[in-house]
Amino acid sequence: MAPLLEVKDLKKQFAGRAGMFGGSKKMVRAVDGVSFTLEQGETLGLVGESGCGKSTLVKTLLFLEVPTSGEVYYDGQLLTEKEAVRMRRQAQIVFQDPYTSLPPRMRVRDIIADPLLIHRLADRRTVREQVNRLLEDVGLQPETGDQYPHQFSGGMRQRVGIARALSVQPSLVVADEAVSALDVSVQAQILNLFKDLQDRYGLTYIFVSHDLGVVKYMSHRIAVMYLGDIVELAATDELHANPLNPYTRAL
């Protein structure tokens, strides 16, 4: 059986600034030849310091940024920019900052309902019931759906973001620093929620973080990124017991 996600020599370059005295712009290699596979139901942790290319990598995987070169296969199918738009339902992302990732002028119920209606997974008669179920899935009461995001705490807002991602029944969820903006006690609650949802719905995760402790708790395997490339990839226990790369040991 083909892996859910297969990435081959993926690269993403940006034009950098010209030097002090002008001249041609240097290319910034934000993602520089990344390759890995991801099995159905697995959690791959992606760890590295800020600026190493983690967020650019996951955005490129989802074609939120168009790759410079390389190949991405989803469920055995080679993705192009056009194909990626069609499969957008299958792969969703939960962003880092719950304060800016939710539309402030929309009620929570409408934020979650929009994807259901856009993808025709519900109609006006059934959407309220489905939104209520999604709110309960992430540990919120249905009546909170009538409130606005600014009335919620950071942890509650991130639960809304997770419910929005789950609304279209994805196979893959990318959590891009999804707990880094939260208090430590709230982080634990959200991490346990991710685990519970994975067990319940058979979800596959890419869990991005700069915190090795968080990644260790969540992941079956860990990929360590440095300067746009994966320098080490191993099972979680193996990587922690015997890190081979000096950068991994430094982390």
Protein backbone atom coordinates (compact mmCIF):
# COMPACT_ATOMS: atom_id res chain seq x y z
CA MET A 1 0.00 0.00 0.00
CA ALA A 2 1.32 3.44 -0.92
CA PRO A 3 2.02 5.87 1.92
CA LEU A 4 -0.54 8.61 2.46
CA LEU A 5 2.09 11.24 1.67
CA GLU A 6 5.37 10.86 -0.21
CA VAL A 7 7.72 13.79 -0.76
CA LYS A 8 10.66 13.59 -3.18
CA ASP A 9 13.45 16.18 -3.34
CA LEU A 10 11.09 19.08 -2.61
CA LYS A 11 12.56 22.56 -2.99
CA LYS A 12 11.22 26.05 -2.45
CA GLN A 13 13.31 29.11 -3.26
CA PHE A 14 12.61 32.79 -2.83
CA ALA A 15 14.37 35.78 -4.34
CA GLY A 16 16.35 37.46 -1.59
CA ARG A 17 17.35 41.09 -1.30
CA ALA A 18 20.14 42.53 -3.40
CA GLY A 19 23.41 43.34 -1.66
CA MET A 20 24.34 46.73 -0.23
CA PHE A 21 25.87 47.80 -3.55
CA GLY A 22 23.13 46.37 -5.76
CA GLY A 23 23.76 43.51 -8.13
CA SER A 24 21.71 40.39 -8.65
CA LYS A 25 19.50 39.05 -5.90
CA LYS A 26 20.56 35.87 -4.16
CA MET A 27 18.10 32.96 -4.00
CA VAL A 28 17.03 31.93 -0.51
CA ARG A 29 16.68 28.14 -0.29
CA ALA A 30 13.90 27.92 2.27
CA VAL A 31 13.30 24.22 1.50
CA ASP A 32 16.29 22.50 -0.01
CA GLY A 33 15.71 18.95 -1.25
CA VAL A 34 13.40 17.43 1.39
CA SER A 35 12.28 13.80 1.03
CA PHE A 36 10.17 11.65 3.38
CA THR A 37 7.07 9.45 3.56
CA LEU A 38 4.10 9.53 5.92
CA GLU A 39 1.88 6.53 6.61
CA GLN A 40 -1.86 6.63 7.25
CA GLY A 41 -2.57 7.15 10.97
CA GLU A 42 1.01 8.22 11.76
CA THR A 43 2.20 11.40 13.42
CA LEU A 44 5.42 12.85 12.02
CA GLY A 45 7.00 15.50 14.22
CA LEU A 46 8.87 18.25 12.39
CA VAL A 47 11.28 20.06 14.67
CA GLY A 48 13.94 22.72 14.32
CA GLU A 49 14.80 26.27 15.32
CA SER A 50 12.93 29.29 14.00
CA GLY A 51 13.90 30.05 10.42
CA CYS A 52 14.93 26.51 9.52
CA GLY A 53 12.11 26.14 6.96
CA LYS A 54 9.48 24.14 8.87
CA SER A 55 6.50 26.36 8.08
CA THR A 56 7.58 26.90 4.48
CA LEU A 57 7.85 23.13 4.05
CA VAL A 58 4.32 22.40 5.23
CA LYS A 59 2.87 25.28 3.20
CA THR A 60 4.67 23.92 0.13
CA LEU A 61 3.35 20.41 0.81
CA LEU A 62 -0.18 21.81 0.78
CA PHE A 63 0.56 24.03 -2.24
CA LEU A 64 -0.16 27.15 -0.23
CA GLU A 65 3.28 27.94 -1.66
CA VAL A 66 4.04 26.52 -5.12
CA PRO A 67 7.17 24.28 -5.03
CA THR A 68 10.19 25.36 -7.04
CA SER A 69 10.87 21.71 -7.87
CA GLY A 70 10.35 18.20 -6.54
CA GLU A 71 7.32 15.93 -6.28
CA VAL A 72 4.53 15.43 -3.74
CA TYR A 73 2.37 12.31 -3.91
CA TYR A 74 -0.86 12.15 -1.92
CA ASP A 75 -2.36 8.66 -1.58
CA GLY A 76 -0.26 7.58 -4.56
CA GLN A 77 -1.30 10.47 -6.82
CA LEU A 78 1.22 13.05 -8.03
CA LEU A 79 0.03 16.50 -7.03
CA THR A 80 0.12 19.52 -9.29
CA GLU A 81 -1.06 22.98 -8.32
CA LYS A 82 -4.42 22.25 -9.97
CA GLU A 83 -4.79 18.82 -8.35
CA ALA A 84 -3.82 20.23 -4.96
CA VAL A 85 -6.77 22.64 -5.04
CA ARG A 86 -9.12 19.72 -5.68
CA MET A 87 -7.71 17.68 -2.80
CA ARG A 88 -7.65 20.61 -0.37
CA ARG A 89 -10.48 18.93 1.54
CA GLN A 90 -8.21 15.98 2.33
CA ALA A 91 -5.45 18.01 3.98
CA GLN A 92 -6.12 20.78 6.48
CA ILE A 93 -3.91 23.03 8.59
CA VAL A 94 -4.23 24.35 12.14
CA PHE A 95 -2.26 27.56 12.44
CA GLN A 96 -0.02 28.82 15.22
CA ASP A 97 -1.88 31.88 16.42
CA PRO A 98 -5.53 31.35 17.39
CA TYR A 99 -5.88 35.12 17.79
CA THR A 100 -5.30 35.89 14.12
CA SER A 101 -6.34 32.70 12.30
CA LEU A 102 -10.08 33.12 12.97
CA PRO A 103 -12.22 35.83 11.30
CA PRO A 104 -13.02 38.23 14.17
CA ARG A 105 -16.38 39.41 12.80
CA MET A 106 -17.88 35.96 12.25
CA ARG A 107 -19.66 33.95 14.91
CA VAL A 108 -17.89 30.71 15.78
CA ARG A 109 -20.80 28.72 14.39
CA ASP A 110 -20.43 30.38 10.98
CA ILE A 111 -16.64 29.91 10.98
CA ILE A 112 -17.11 26.16 11.30
CA ALA A 113 -20.17 26.01 9.04
CA ASP A 114 -18.54 27.75 6.07
CA PRO A 115 -16.32 24.80 5.00
CA LEU A 116 -19.25 22.41 5.38
CA LEU A 117 -21.38 24.50 3.04
CA ILE A 118 -18.58 25.27 0.56
CA HIS A 119 -17.76 21.57 0.16
CA ARG A 120 -21.44 20.60 0.20
CA LEU A 121 -21.07 18.35 3.22
CA ALA A 122 -24.16 19.93 4.77
CA ASP A 123 -27.10 22.09 3.78
CA ARG A 124 -28.92 24.85 5.63
CA ARG A 125 -31.18 22.29 7.31
CA THR A 126 -28.44 20.04 8.69
CA VAL A 127 -25.48 22.35 9.17
CA ARG A 128 -26.40 23.47 12.71
CA GLU A 129 -26.51 19.90 13.96
CA GLN A 130 -23.12 19.12 12.38
CA VAL A 131 -21.53 22.25 13.83
CA ASN A 132 -22.84 21.33 17.29
CA ARG A 133 -21.28 17.87 16.96
CA LEU A 134 -17.94 19.37 15.91
CA LEU A 135 -17.97 21.77 18.85
CA GLU A 136 -18.60 18.87 21.21
CA ASP A 137 -15.81 16.86 19.53
CA VAL A 138 -13.29 19.55 20.50
CA GLY A 139 -14.64 19.99 24.03
CA LEU A 140 -16.87 23.05 23.57
CA GLN A 141 -20.54 23.43 24.38
CA PRO A 142 -22.87 23.92 21.37
CA GLU A 143 -24.16 27.23 22.73
CA THR A 144 -20.66 28.73 22.44
CA GLY A 145 -21.15 28.65 18.68
CA ASP A 146 -23.18 31.85 18.92
CA GLN A 147 -20.23 33.80 20.34
CA TYR A 148 -17.41 35.62 18.59
CA PRO A 149 -13.72 34.59 18.76
CA HIS A 150 -12.75 37.60 20.93
CA GLN A 151 -14.99 36.23 23.67
CA PHE A 152 -12.88 33.07 23.91
CA SER A 153 -9.59 32.27 25.61
CA GLY A 154 -6.59 31.26 23.48
CA GLY A 155 -7.14 27.56 24.16
CA MET A 156 -10.83 27.79 23.25
CA ARG A 157 -9.98 29.62 20.03
CA GLN A 158 -7.53 26.90 19.08
CA ARG A 159 -10.28 24.33 19.68
CA VAL A 160 -12.40 26.28 17.20
CA GLY A 161 -9.53 26.17 14.71
CA ILE A 162 -9.31 22.41 15.14
CA ALA A 163 -13.07 22.04 14.68
CA ARG A 164 -12.89 24.09 11.48
CA ALA A 165 -10.10 21.84 10.17
CA LEU A 166 -12.06 18.68 11.04
CA SER A 167 -15.29 19.93 9.48
CA VAL A 168 -14.34 18.73 5.98
CA GLN A 169 -13.34 15.25 7.20
CA PRO A 170 -9.64 15.39 6.21
CA SER A 171 -7.21 12.49 6.24
CA LEU A 172 -4.19 14.70 7.00
CA VAL A 173 -3.99 17.55 9.50
CA VAL A 174 -0.92 19.78 9.70
CA ALA A 175 -0.48 21.44 13.09
CA ASP A 176 1.92 24.34 12.49
CA GLU A 177 3.19 25.36 15.95
CA ALA A 178 -0.41 24.87 17.05
CA VAL A 179 0.31 25.06 20.80
CA SER A 180 3.30 27.41 20.96
CA ALA A 181 1.18 30.51 21.64
CA LEU A 182 -0.68 28.85 24.55
CA ASP A 183 0.06 28.58 28.27
CA VAL A 184 1.74 25.33 29.30
CA SER A 185 -1.34 23.95 31.09
CA VAL A 186 -3.51 24.72 28.06
CA GLN A 187 -0.90 23.18 25.74
CA ALA A 188 -1.33 19.84 27.51
CA GLN A 189 -5.10 19.96 27.03
CA ILE A 190 -4.79 20.70 23.30
CA LEU A 191 -2.14 18.01 22.77
CA ASN A 192 -4.39 15.44 24.48
CA LEU A 193 -7.27 16.61 22.29
CA PHE A 194 -5.17 16.02 19.16
CA LYS A 195 -4.36 12.50 20.37
CA ASP A 196 -7.98 11.73 21.19
CA LEU A 197 -9.17 12.93 17.77
CA GLN A 198 -6.50 10.86 16.04
CA ASP A 199 -7.65 7.72 17.85
CA ARG A 200 -11.29 8.49 17.14
CA TYR A 201 -11.02 9.37 13.45
CA GLY A 202 -7.79 7.70 12.30
CA LEU A 203 -6.19 11.04 11.45
CA THR A 204 -2.66 11.47 10.14
CA TYR A 205 -0.66 14.39 11.52
CA ILE A 206 2.37 16.45 10.67
CA PHE A 207 3.14 18.16 13.96
CA VAL A 208 5.43 21.17 13.60
CA SER A 209 7.17 22.59 16.66
CA HIS A 210 10.45 24.03 17.90
CA ASP A 211 9.85 22.20 21.22
CA LEU A 212 11.35 18.70 21.27
CA GLY A 213 9.32 17.79 24.36
CA VAL A 214 6.04 18.51 22.59
CA VAL A 215 7.14 16.63 19.48
CA LYS A 216 8.31 13.63 21.52
CA TYR A 217 4.92 13.39 23.24
CA MET A 218 2.97 13.58 20.00
CA SER A 219 5.03 11.78 17.36
CA HIS A 220 5.72 8.28 16.10
CA ARG A 221 8.72 9.58 14.13
CA ILE A 222 10.63 12.85 14.25
CA ALA A 223 12.24 14.74 11.38
CA VAL A 224 14.86 17.33 12.36
CA MET A 225 15.19 20.31 10.01
CA TYR A 226 18.23 22.52 9.61
CA LEU A 227 18.79 25.15 6.91
CA GLY A 228 15.90 23.95 4.78
CA ASP A 229 16.67 20.23 4.81
CA ILE A 230 15.92 17.22 6.99
CA VAL A 231 19.20 16.25 8.64
CA GLU A 232 17.83 13.34 10.70
CA LEU A 233 14.66 11.23 10.61
CA ALA A 234 14.05 8.41 13.06
CA ALA A 235 11.52 6.78 15.37
CA THR A 236 10.88 9.00 18.39
CA ASP A 237 12.41 6.75 21.03
CA GLU A 238 15.41 5.97 18.83
CA LEU A 239 16.10 9.62 18.08
CA HIS A 240 15.97 10.59 21.75
CA ALA A 241 18.08 7.64 22.88
CA ASN A 242 20.72 7.95 20.18
CA PRO A 243 20.67 11.19 18.16
CA LEU A 244 23.17 10.82 15.32
CA ASN A 245 23.38 14.34 13.96
CA PRO A 246 25.28 16.99 15.98
CA TYR A 247 22.46 19.49 15.37
CA THR A 248 19.93 17.06 16.87
CA ARG A 249 22.13 16.65 19.94
CA ALA A 250 22.37 20.45 20.22
CA LEU A 251 18.59 20.77 20.18
